[in-house]
Amino acid sequence: MLRVADHKPGRLAPPGIIQPDSIYRIDEACTRLGWGDHALRAARRRGLKIHRSGKRNYVLGFDLLAFITKEKA
């Protein structure tokens, strides 16, 4: 079951923690990974799946981990 990543308003979770069963706002995922705008655009061009709901963009933890491990191989 997917759940919204544990998050308190105004506070991002510690960097580096991506859980496969969570969904992250794009800004939160970038903060956790230490990515800037350029890294995010490059990841999207290389196939990172982004999900849009209204005006917000999200990424599934599973998709993010799969993308990162695919890139390392």
PDB file of N, CA and C in Angstrom:
ATOM      1  N   MET A   1       0.830  -1.179   0.000  1.00  0.00           N
ATOM      2  CA  MET A   1       0.000   0.000   0.000  1.00  0.00           C
ATOM      3  C   MET A   1       0.876   1.243   0.000  1.00  0.00           C
ATOM      4  N   LEU A   2       0.569   2.208  -0.871  1.00  0.00           N
ATOM      5  CA  LEU A   2       1.327   3.446  -0.936  1.00  0.00           C
ATOM      6  C   LEU A   2       0.809   4.422   0.096  1.00  0.00           C
ATOM      7  N   ARG A   3       1.692   5.192   0.638  1.00  0.00           N
ATOM      8  CA  ARG A   3       1.304   6.218   1.592  1.00  0.00           C
ATOM      9  C   ARG A   3       2.126   7.462   1.301  1.00  0.00           C
ATOM     10  N   VAL A   4       1.609   8.594   1.667  1.00  0.00           N
ATOM     11  CA  VAL A   4       2.366   9.828   1.523  1.00  0.00           C
ATOM     12  C   VAL A   4       3.523   9.761   2.504  1.00  0.00           C
ATOM     13  N   ALA A   5       4.704  10.159   2.061  1.00  0.00           N
ATOM     14  CA  ALA A   5       5.889  10.117   2.918  1.00  0.00           C
ATOM     15  C   ALA A   5       5.629  10.884   4.208  1.00  0.00           C
ATOM     16  N   ASP A   6       6.100  10.328   5.310  1.00  0.00           N
ATOM     17  CA  ASP A   6       5.937  11.009   6.590  1.00  0.00           C
ATOM     18  C   ASP A   6       6.571  12.392   6.489  1.00  0.00           C
ATOM     19  N   HIS A   7       5.785  13.397   6.768  1.00  0.00           N
ATOM     20  CA  HIS A   7       6.251  14.757   6.558  1.00  0.00           C
ATOM     21  C   HIS A   7       5.490  15.706   7.470  1.00  0.00           C
ATOM     22  N   LYS A   8       6.224  16.604   8.092  1.00  0.00           N
ATOM     23  CA  LYS A   8       5.592  17.652   8.883  1.00  0.00           C
ATOM     24  C   LYS A   8       5.681  18.936   8.067  1.00  0.00           C
ATOM     25  N   PRO A   9       4.616  19.728   8.018  1.00  0.00           N
ATOM     26  CA  PRO A   9       4.643  20.966   7.237  1.00  0.00           C
ATOM     27  C   PRO A   9       5.825  21.848   7.603  1.00  0.00           C
ATOM     28  N   GLY A  10       6.497  22.391   6.586  1.00  0.00           N
ATOM     29  CA  GLY A  10       7.619  23.278   6.814  1.00  0.00           C
ATOM     30  C   GLY A  10       8.910  22.554   7.147  1.00  0.00           C
ATOM     31  N   ARG A  11       8.904  21.241   7.123  1.00  0.00           N
ATOM     32  CA  ARG A  11      10.086  20.469   7.502  1.00  0.00           C
ATOM     33  C   ARG A  11      10.264  19.294   6.557  1.00  0.00           C
ATOM     34  N   LEU A  12      11.385  19.221   5.878  1.00  0.00           N
ATOM     35  CA  LEU A  12      11.645  18.091   5.003  1.00  0.00           C
ATOM     36  C   LEU A  12      12.334  16.987   5.785  1.00  0.00           C
ATOM     37  N   ALA A  13      12.123  15.769   5.344  1.00  0.00           N
ATOM     38  CA  ALA A  13      12.739  14.614   5.993  1.00  0.00           C
ATOM     39  C   ALA A  13      14.246  14.641   5.764  1.00  0.00           C
ATOM     40  N   PRO A  14      14.972  13.864   6.546  1.00  0.00           N
ATOM     41  CA  PRO A  14      16.426  13.839   6.387  1.00  0.00           C
ATOM     42  C   PRO A  14      16.823  13.423   4.975  1.00  0.00           C
ATOM     43  N   PRO A  15      17.891  14.024   4.429  1.00  0.00           N
ATOM     44  CA  PRO A  15      18.322  13.653   3.090  1.00  0.00           C
ATOM     45  C   PRO A  15      18.754  12.195   3.023  1.00  0.00           C
ATOM     46  N   GLY A  16      18.569  11.608   1.868  1.00  0.00           N
ATOM     47  CA  GLY A  16      19.080  10.268   1.639  1.00  0.00           C
ATOM     48  C   GLY A  16      18.122   9.136   1.917  1.00  0.00           C
ATOM     49  N   ILE A  17      16.970   9.392   2.496  1.00  0.00           N
ATOM     50  CA  ILE A  17      16.046   8.306   2.818  1.00  0.00           C
ATOM     51  C   ILE A  17      14.923   8.280   1.788  1.00  0.00           C
ATOM     52  N   ILE A  18      14.914   7.232   0.974  1.00  0.00           N
ATOM     53  CA  ILE A  18      13.852   7.020  -0.007  1.00  0.00           C
ATOM     54  C   ILE A  18      13.274   5.641   0.270  1.00  0.00           C
ATOM     55  N   GLN A  19      11.997   5.575   0.566  1.00  0.00           N
ATOM     56  CA  GLN A  19      11.339   4.307   0.854  1.00  0.00           C
ATOM     57  C   GLN A  19      10.528   3.872  -0.362  1.00  0.00           C
ATOM     58  N   PRO A  20      10.639   2.611  -0.773  1.00  0.00           N
ATOM     59  CA  PRO A  20       9.955   2.162  -1.988  1.00  0.00           C
ATOM     60  C   PRO A  20       8.433   2.214  -1.905  1.00  0.00           C
ATOM     61  N   ASP A  21       7.857   2.151  -0.720  1.00  0.00           N
ATOM     62  CA  ASP A  21       6.401   2.141  -0.586  1.00  0.00           C
ATOM     63  C   ASP A  21       5.815   3.523  -0.303  1.00  0.00           C
ATOM     64  N   SER A  22       6.584   4.571  -0.593  1.00  0.00           N
ATOM     65  CA  SER A  22       6.121   5.942  -0.344  1.00  0.00           C
ATOM     66  C   SER A  22       6.017   6.714  -1.640  1.00  0.00           C
ATOM     67  N   ILE A  23       5.291   7.818  -1.580  1.00  0.00           N
ATOM     68  CA  ILE A  23       5.202   8.736  -2.712  1.00  0.00           C
ATOM     69  C   ILE A  23       5.732  10.083  -2.224  1.00  0.00           C
ATOM     70  N   TYR A  24       6.518  10.745  -3.068  1.00  0.00           N
ATOM     71  CA  TYR A  24       7.191  11.981  -2.678  1.00  0.00           C
ATOM     72  C   TYR A  24       6.841  13.103  -3.637  1.00  0.00           C
ATOM     73  N   ARG A  25       6.674  14.304  -3.086  1.00  0.00           N
ATOM     74  CA  ARG A  25       6.603  15.481  -3.942  1.00  0.00           C
ATOM     75  C   ARG A  25       7.977  15.619  -4.601  1.00  0.00           C
ATOM     76  N   ILE A  26       8.009  16.185  -5.771  1.00  0.00           N
ATOM     77  CA  ILE A  26       9.271  16.323  -6.500  1.00  0.00           C
ATOM     78  C   ILE A  26      10.288  17.124  -5.691  1.00  0.00           C
ATOM     79  N   ASP A  27       9.873  18.213  -5.067  1.00  0.00           N
ATOM     80  CA  ASP A  27      10.825  19.018  -4.292  1.00  0.00           C
ATOM     81  C   ASP A  27      11.397  18.228  -3.120  1.00  0.00           C
ATOM     82  N   GLU A  28      10.575  17.406  -2.499  1.00  0.00           N
ATOM     83  CA  GLU A  28      11.044  16.597  -1.371  1.00  0.00           C
ATOM     84  C   GLU A  28      12.035  15.533  -1.838  1.00  0.00           C
ATOM     85  N   ALA A  29      11.728  14.867  -2.952  1.00  0.00           N
ATOM     86  CA  ALA A  29      12.633  13.853  -3.484  1.00  0.00           C
ATOM     87  C   ALA A  29      13.980  14.476  -3.853  1.00  0.00           C
ATOM     88  N   CYS A  30      13.952  15.651  -4.478  1.00  0.00           N
ATOM     89  CA  CYS A  30      15.201  16.333  -4.854  1.00  0.00           C
ATOM     90  C   CYS A  30      16.019  16.706  -3.623  1.00  0.00           C
ATOM     91  N   THR A  31      15.361  17.173  -2.583  1.00  0.00           N
ATOM     92  CA  THR A  31      16.066  17.516  -1.347  1.00  0.00           C
ATOM     93  C   THR A  31      16.716  16.279  -0.738  1.00  0.00           C
ATOM     94  N   ARG A  32      15.984  15.178  -0.700  1.00  0.00           N
ATOM     95  CA  ARG A  32      16.517  13.945  -0.121  1.00  0.00           C
ATOM     96  C   ARG A  32      17.713  13.424  -0.896  1.00  0.00           C
ATOM     97  N   LEU A  33      17.714  13.642  -2.221  1.00  0.00           N
ATOM     98  CA  LEU A  33      18.805  13.143  -3.056  1.00  0.00           C
ATOM     99  C   LEU A  33      19.907  14.168  -3.280  1.00  0.00           C
ATOM    100  N   GLY A  34      19.664  15.410  -2.888  1.00  0.00           N
ATOM    101  CA  GLY A  34      20.653  16.456  -3.120  1.00  0.00           C
ATOM    102  C   GLY A  34      20.690  16.899  -4.573  1.00  0.00           C
ATOM    103  N   TRP A  35      19.576  16.723  -5.280  1.00  0.00           N
ATOM    104  CA  TRP A  35      19.481  17.111  -6.684  1.00  0.00           C
ATOM    105  C   TRP A  35      19.037  18.557  -6.812  1.00  0.00           C
ATOM    106  N   GLY A  36      19.573  19.232  -7.817  1.00  0.00           N
ATOM    107  CA  GLY A  36      19.101  20.557  -8.186  1.00  0.00           C
ATOM    108  C   GLY A  36      18.172  20.445  -9.383  1.00  0.00           C
ATOM    109  N   ASP A  37      17.782  21.591  -9.938  1.00  0.00           N
ATOM    110  CA  ASP A  37      16.871  21.609 -11.082  1.00  0.00           C
ATOM    111  C   ASP A  37      17.459  20.889 -12.289  1.00  0.00           C
ATOM    112  N   HIS A  38      18.739  21.092 -12.546  1.00  0.00           N
ATOM    113  CA  HIS A  38      19.377  20.468 -13.707  1.00  0.00           C
ATOM    114  C   HIS A  38      19.379  18.945 -13.581  1.00  0.00           C
ATOM    115  N   ALA A  39      19.693  18.428 -12.419  1.00  0.00           N
ATOM    116  CA  ALA A  39      19.709  16.972 -12.208  1.00  0.00           C
ATOM    117  C   ALA A  39      18.314  16.382 -12.394  1.00  0.00           C
ATOM    118  N   LEU A  40      17.289  17.076 -11.921  1.00  0.00           N
ATOM    119  CA  LEU A  40      15.921  16.598 -12.084  1.00  0.00           C
ATOM    120  C   LEU A  40      15.531  16.572 -13.563  1.00  0.00           C
ATOM    121  N   ARG A  41      15.834  17.645 -14.285  1.00  0.00           N
ATOM    122  CA  ARG A  41      15.509  17.670 -15.721  1.00  0.00           C
ATOM    123  C   ARG A  41      16.233  16.553 -16.464  1.00  0.00           C
ATOM    124  N   ALA A  42      17.489  16.321 -16.130  1.00  0.00           N
ATOM    125  CA  ALA A  42      18.260  15.251 -16.774  1.00  0.00           C
ATOM    126  C   ALA A  42      17.658  13.888 -16.452  1.00  0.00           C
ATOM    127  N   ALA A  43      17.240  13.679 -15.212  1.00  0.00           N
ATOM    128  CA  ALA A  43      16.630  12.402 -14.819  1.00  0.00           C
ATOM    129  C   ALA A  43      15.317  12.176 -15.570  1.00  0.00           C
ATOM    130  N   ARG A  44      14.535  13.215 -15.731  1.00  0.00           N
ATOM    131  CA  ARG A  44      13.270  13.085 -16.473  1.00  0.00           C
ATOM    132  C   ARG A  44      13.535  12.747 -17.934  1.00  0.00           C
ATOM    133  N   ARG A  45      14.560  13.369 -18.522  1.00  0.00           N
ATOM    134  CA  ARG A  45      14.905  13.055 -19.916  1.00  0.00           C
ATOM    135  C   ARG A  45      15.365  11.607 -20.057  1.00  0.00           C
ATOM    136  N   ARG A  46      16.022  11.068 -19.024  1.00  0.00           N
ATOM    137  CA  ARG A  46      16.525   9.698 -19.069  1.00  0.00           C
ATOM    138  C   ARG A  46      15.482   8.676 -18.619  1.00  0.00           C
ATOM    139  N   GLY A  47      14.255   9.107 -18.316  1.00  0.00           N
ATOM    140  CA  GLY A  47      13.178   8.160 -18.086  1.00  0.00           C
ATOM    141  C   GLY A  47      12.578   8.080 -16.697  1.00  0.00           C
ATOM    142  N   LEU A  48      12.940   8.968 -15.775  1.00  0.00           N
ATOM    143  CA  LEU A  48      12.318   8.951 -14.454  1.00  0.00           C
ATOM    144  C   LEU A  48      10.826   9.239 -14.607  1.00  0.00           C
ATOM    145  N   LYS A  49       9.999   8.366 -14.044  1.00  0.00           N
ATOM    146  CA  LYS A  49       8.542   8.517 -14.150  1.00  0.00           C
ATOM    147  C   LYS A  49       8.040   9.540 -13.129  1.00  0.00           C
ATOM    148  N   ILE A  50       7.325  10.531 -13.635  1.00  0.00           N
ATOM    149  CA  ILE A  50       6.743  11.581 -12.796  1.00  0.00           C
ATOM    150  C   ILE A  50       5.226  11.475 -12.915  1.00  0.00           C
ATOM    151  N   HIS A  51       4.536  11.579 -11.798  1.00  0.00           N
ATOM    152  CA  HIS A  51       3.070  11.522 -11.776  1.00  0.00           C
ATOM    153  C   HIS A  51       2.541  12.893 -11.396  1.00  0.00           C
ATOM    154  N   ARG A  52       1.545  13.351 -12.141  1.00  0.00           N
ATOM    155  CA  ARG A  52       0.985  14.685 -11.903  1.00  0.00           C
ATOM    156  C   ARG A  52      -0.423  14.554 -11.353  1.00  0.00           C
ATOM    157  N   SER A  53      -0.705  15.348 -10.332  1.00  0.00           N
ATOM    158  CA  SER A  53      -2.048  15.428  -9.770  1.00  0.00           C
ATOM    159  C   SER A  53      -2.347  16.902  -9.558  1.00  0.00           C
ATOM    160  N   GLY A  54      -3.256  17.418 -10.338  1.00  0.00           N
ATOM    161  CA  GLY A  54      -3.523  18.854 -10.278  1.00  0.00           C
ATOM    162  C   GLY A  54      -2.297  19.610 -10.751  1.00  0.00           C
ATOM    163  N   LYS A  55      -1.806  20.515  -9.922  1.00  0.00           N
ATOM    164  CA  LYS A  55      -0.619  21.287 -10.271  1.00  0.00           C
ATOM    165  C   LYS A  55       0.642  20.730  -9.627  1.00  0.00           C
ATOM    166  N   ARG A  56       0.531  19.617  -8.939  1.00  0.00           N
ATOM    167  CA  ARG A  56       1.680  19.054  -8.226  1.00  0.00           C
ATOM    168  C   ARG A  56       2.240  17.829  -8.943  1.00  0.00           C
ATOM    169  N   ASN A  57       3.555  17.665  -8.827  1.00  0.00           N
ATOM    170  CA  ASN A  57       4.242  16.517  -9.398  1.00  0.00           C
ATOM    171  C   ASN A  57       4.770  15.630  -8.279  1.00  0.00           C
ATOM    172  N   TYR A  58       4.655  14.329  -8.499  1.00  0.00           N
ATOM    173  CA  TYR A  58       5.083  13.352  -7.508  1.00  0.00           C
ATOM    174  C   TYR A  58       5.911  12.270  -8.181  1.00  0.00           C
ATOM    175  N   VAL A  59       6.686  11.576  -7.380  1.00  0.00           N
ATOM    176  CA  VAL A  59       7.438  10.421  -7.848  1.00  0.00           C
ATOM    177  C   VAL A  59       7.254   9.314  -6.814  1.00  0.00           C
ATOM    178  N   LEU A  60       7.076   8.089  -7.298  1.00  0.00           N
ATOM    179  CA  LEU A  60       6.965   6.949  -6.393  1.00  0.00           C
ATOM    180  C   LEU A  60       8.363   6.554  -5.935  1.00  0.00           C
ATOM    181  N   GLY A  61       8.483   6.205  -4.672  1.00  0.00           N
ATOM    182  CA  GLY A  61       9.777   5.769  -4.147  1.00  0.00           C
ATOM    183  C   GLY A  61      10.327   4.592  -4.928  1.00  0.00           C
ATOM    184  N   PHE A  62       9.450   3.645  -5.299  1.00  0.00           N
ATOM    185  CA  PHE A  62       9.879   2.475  -6.059  1.00  0.00           C
ATOM    186  C   PHE A  62      10.480   2.895  -7.405  1.00  0.00           C
ATOM    187  N   ASP A  63       9.807   3.820  -8.116  1.00  0.00           N
ATOM    188  CA  ASP A  63      10.303   4.279  -9.415  1.00  0.00           C
ATOM    189  C   ASP A  63      11.628   5.019  -9.266  1.00  0.00           C
ATOM    190  N   LEU A  64      11.762   5.805  -8.231  1.00  0.00           N
ATOM    191  CA  LEU A  64      12.985   6.556  -7.993  1.00  0.00           C
ATOM    192  C   LEU A  64      14.158   5.615  -7.710  1.00  0.00           C
ATOM    193  N   LEU A  65      13.940   4.627  -6.853  1.00  0.00           N
ATOM    194  CA  LEU A  65      14.993   3.661  -6.553  1.00  0.00           C
ATOM    195  C   LEU A  65      15.358   2.831  -7.780  1.00  0.00           C
ATOM    196  N   ALA A  66      14.362   2.433  -8.563  1.00  0.00           N
ATOM    197  CA  ALA A  66      14.623   1.674  -9.785  1.00  0.00           C
ATOM    198  C   ALA A  66      15.435   2.514 -10.762  1.00  0.00           C
ATOM    199  N   PHE A  67      15.100   3.796 -10.908  1.00  0.00           N
ATOM    200  CA  PHE A  67      15.832   4.687 -11.809  1.00  0.00           C
ATOM    201  C   PHE A  67      17.288   4.837 -11.370  1.00  0.00           C
ATOM    202  N   ILE A  68      17.493   5.061 -10.084  1.00  0.00           N
ATOM    203  CA  ILE A  68      18.857   5.273  -9.581  1.00  0.00           C
ATOM    204  C   ILE A  68      19.696   4.009  -9.747  1.00  0.00           C
ATOM    205  N   THR A  69      19.134   2.847  -9.425  1.00  0.00           N
ATOM    206  CA  THR A  69      19.906   1.609  -9.545  1.00  0.00           C
ATOM    207  C   THR A  69      20.153   1.265 -11.006  1.00  0.00           C
ATOM    208  N   LYS A  70      19.229   1.610 -11.894  1.00  0.00           N
ATOM    209  CA  LYS A  70      19.432   1.380 -13.325  1.00  0.00           C
ATOM    210  C   LYS A  70      20.561   2.264 -13.834  1.00  0.00           C
ATOM    211  N   GLU A  71      20.616   3.509 -13.368  1.00  0.00           N
ATOM    212  CA  GLU A  71      21.647   4.463 -13.806  1.00  0.00           C
ATOM    213  C   GLU A  71      23.043   4.040 -13.359  1.00  0.00           C
ATOM    214  N   LYS A  72      23.123   3.390 -12.198  1.00  0.00           N
ATOM    215  CA  LYS A  72      24.433   2.975 -11.669  1.00  0.00           C
ATOM    216  C   LYS A  72      25.004   1.779 -12.417  1.00  0.00           C
ATOM    217  N   ALA A  73      24.115   0.960 -12.981  1.00  0.00           N
ATOM    218  CA  ALA A  73      24.563  -0.290 -13.634  1.00  0.00           C
ATOM    219  C   ALA A  73      25.246  -0.023 -14.952  1.00  0.00           C
TER     220      ALA A  73
END
